Amino acid sequence: MIETPVPQQPGERPQDEQVDEIVRNGPGGALVLAGIATAIVTAIWFAFYFIVFLPRGVIQ
């Protein structure tokens, strides 16, 4: 959602408040996305291991 800037005093930067709010909220979305991606890669690795490697048996 884009908010219209509120008129500020001369010399004051209106984006400072918005930046402070964003930083205060933290990188929650990025961490969730990284967690989901990691889970998908791990699931693919386990699936590949159980479907391809285990059925082949012990390599001698």
C-alpha atoms as a PDB file:
ATOM      1  CA  MET A   1       0.000   0.000   0.000  1.00  0.00           C
ATOM      2  CA  ILE A   2       1.482   3.341  -1.037  1.00  0.00           C
ATOM      3  CA  GLU A   3       0.802   6.238   1.270  1.00  0.00           C
ATOM      4  CA  THR A   4       0.935   9.837   0.208  1.00  0.00           C
ATOM      5  CA  PRO A   5       3.681  11.745   2.004  1.00  0.00           C
ATOM      6  CA  VAL A   6       2.567  13.997   4.825  1.00  0.00           C
ATOM      7  CA  PRO A   7       3.924  17.562   4.616  1.00  0.00           C
ATOM      8  CA  GLN A   8       6.813  17.938   7.027  1.00  0.00           C
ATOM      9  CA  GLN A   9       8.838  20.780   8.409  1.00  0.00           C
ATOM     10  CA  PRO A  10      11.496  22.159   6.057  1.00  0.00           C
ATOM     11  CA  GLY A  11      14.643  20.061   6.242  1.00  0.00           C
ATOM     12  CA  GLU A  12      12.822  16.995   7.602  1.00  0.00           C
ATOM     13  CA  ARG A  13      12.770  13.898   5.422  1.00  0.00           C
ATOM     14  CA  PRO A  14       9.280  12.291   5.323  1.00  0.00           C
ATOM     15  CA  GLN A  15      10.682   8.899   4.308  1.00  0.00           C
ATOM     16  CA  ASP A  16      12.626   8.545   7.554  1.00  0.00           C
ATOM     17  CA  GLU A  17       9.485   7.541   9.437  1.00  0.00           C
ATOM     18  CA  GLN A  18       8.540   4.998   6.784  1.00  0.00           C
ATOM     19  CA  VAL A  19      12.053   3.520   6.758  1.00  0.00           C
ATOM     20  CA  ASP A  20      12.073   3.312  10.560  1.00  0.00           C
ATOM     21  CA  GLU A  21       8.741   1.473  10.505  1.00  0.00           C
ATOM     22  CA  ILE A  22       9.954  -0.995   7.881  1.00  0.00           C
ATOM     23  CA  VAL A  23      13.170  -1.699   9.803  1.00  0.00           C
ATOM     24  CA  ARG A  24      11.217  -2.083  13.044  1.00  0.00           C
ATOM     25  CA  ASN A  25       9.022  -4.784  11.469  1.00  0.00           C
ATOM     26  CA  GLY A  26      12.096  -6.808  10.535  1.00  0.00           C
ATOM     27  CA  PRO A  27      12.784  -9.227   7.714  1.00  0.00           C
ATOM     28  CA  GLY A  28       9.914 -11.597   8.539  1.00  0.00           C
ATOM     29  CA  GLY A  29       8.802 -12.230   4.981  1.00  0.00           C
ATOM     30  CA  ALA A  30      12.328 -12.904   3.777  1.00  0.00           C
ATOM     31  CA  LEU A  31      12.911 -15.417   6.569  1.00  0.00           C
ATOM     32  CA  VAL A  32       9.646 -17.217   5.787  1.00  0.00           C
ATOM     33  CA  LEU A  33      10.532 -17.373   2.098  1.00  0.00           C
ATOM     34  CA  ALA A  34      14.028 -18.682   2.868  1.00  0.00           C
ATOM     35  CA  GLY A  35      12.562 -21.313   5.203  1.00  0.00           C
ATOM     36  CA  ILE A  36      10.085 -22.505   2.586  1.00  0.00           C
ATOM     37  CA  ALA A  37      12.793 -22.694  -0.085  1.00  0.00           C
ATOM     38  CA  THR A  38      15.076 -24.641   2.266  1.00  0.00           C
ATOM     39  CA  ALA A  39      12.274 -27.074   3.116  1.00  0.00           C
ATOM     40  CA  ILE A  40      11.532 -27.664  -0.575  1.00  0.00           C
ATOM     41  CA  VAL A  41      15.198 -28.310  -1.416  1.00  0.00           C
ATOM     42  CA  THR A  42      15.555 -30.675   1.561  1.00  0.00           C
ATOM     43  CA  ALA A  43      12.381 -32.553   0.571  1.00  0.00           C
ATOM     44  CA  ILE A  44      13.639 -32.932  -3.007  1.00  0.00           C
ATOM     45  CA  TRP A  45      17.000 -34.206  -1.726  1.00  0.00           C
ATOM     46  CA  PHE A  46      15.330 -36.833   0.514  1.00  0.00           C
ATOM     47  CA  ALA A  47      12.970 -37.883  -2.281  1.00  0.00           C
ATOM     48  CA  PHE A  48      15.900 -38.302  -4.668  1.00  0.00           C
ATOM     49  CA  TYR A  49      17.815 -40.283  -2.024  1.00  0.00           C
ATOM     50  CA  PHE A  50      14.939 -42.659  -1.237  1.00  0.00           C
ATOM     51  CA  ILE A  51      13.711 -43.063  -4.824  1.00  0.00           C
ATOM     52  CA  VAL A  52      17.053 -43.313  -6.667  1.00  0.00           C
ATOM     53  CA  PHE A  53      19.870 -44.318  -4.325  1.00  0.00           C
ATOM     54  CA  LEU A  54      18.266 -46.782  -1.896  1.00  0.00           C
ATOM     55  CA  PRO A  55      16.633 -48.980  -4.553  1.00  0.00           C
ATOM     56  CA  ARG A  56      20.029 -49.438  -6.250  1.00  0.00           C
ATOM     57  CA  GLY A  57      21.458 -51.085  -3.139  1.00  0.00           C
ATOM     58  CA  VAL A  58      24.978 -50.951  -1.770  1.00  0.00           C
ATOM     59  CA  ILE A  59      27.614 -49.886  -4.294  1.00  0.00           C
ATOM     60  CA  GLN A  60      30.701 -52.094  -4.119  1.00  0.00           C
END
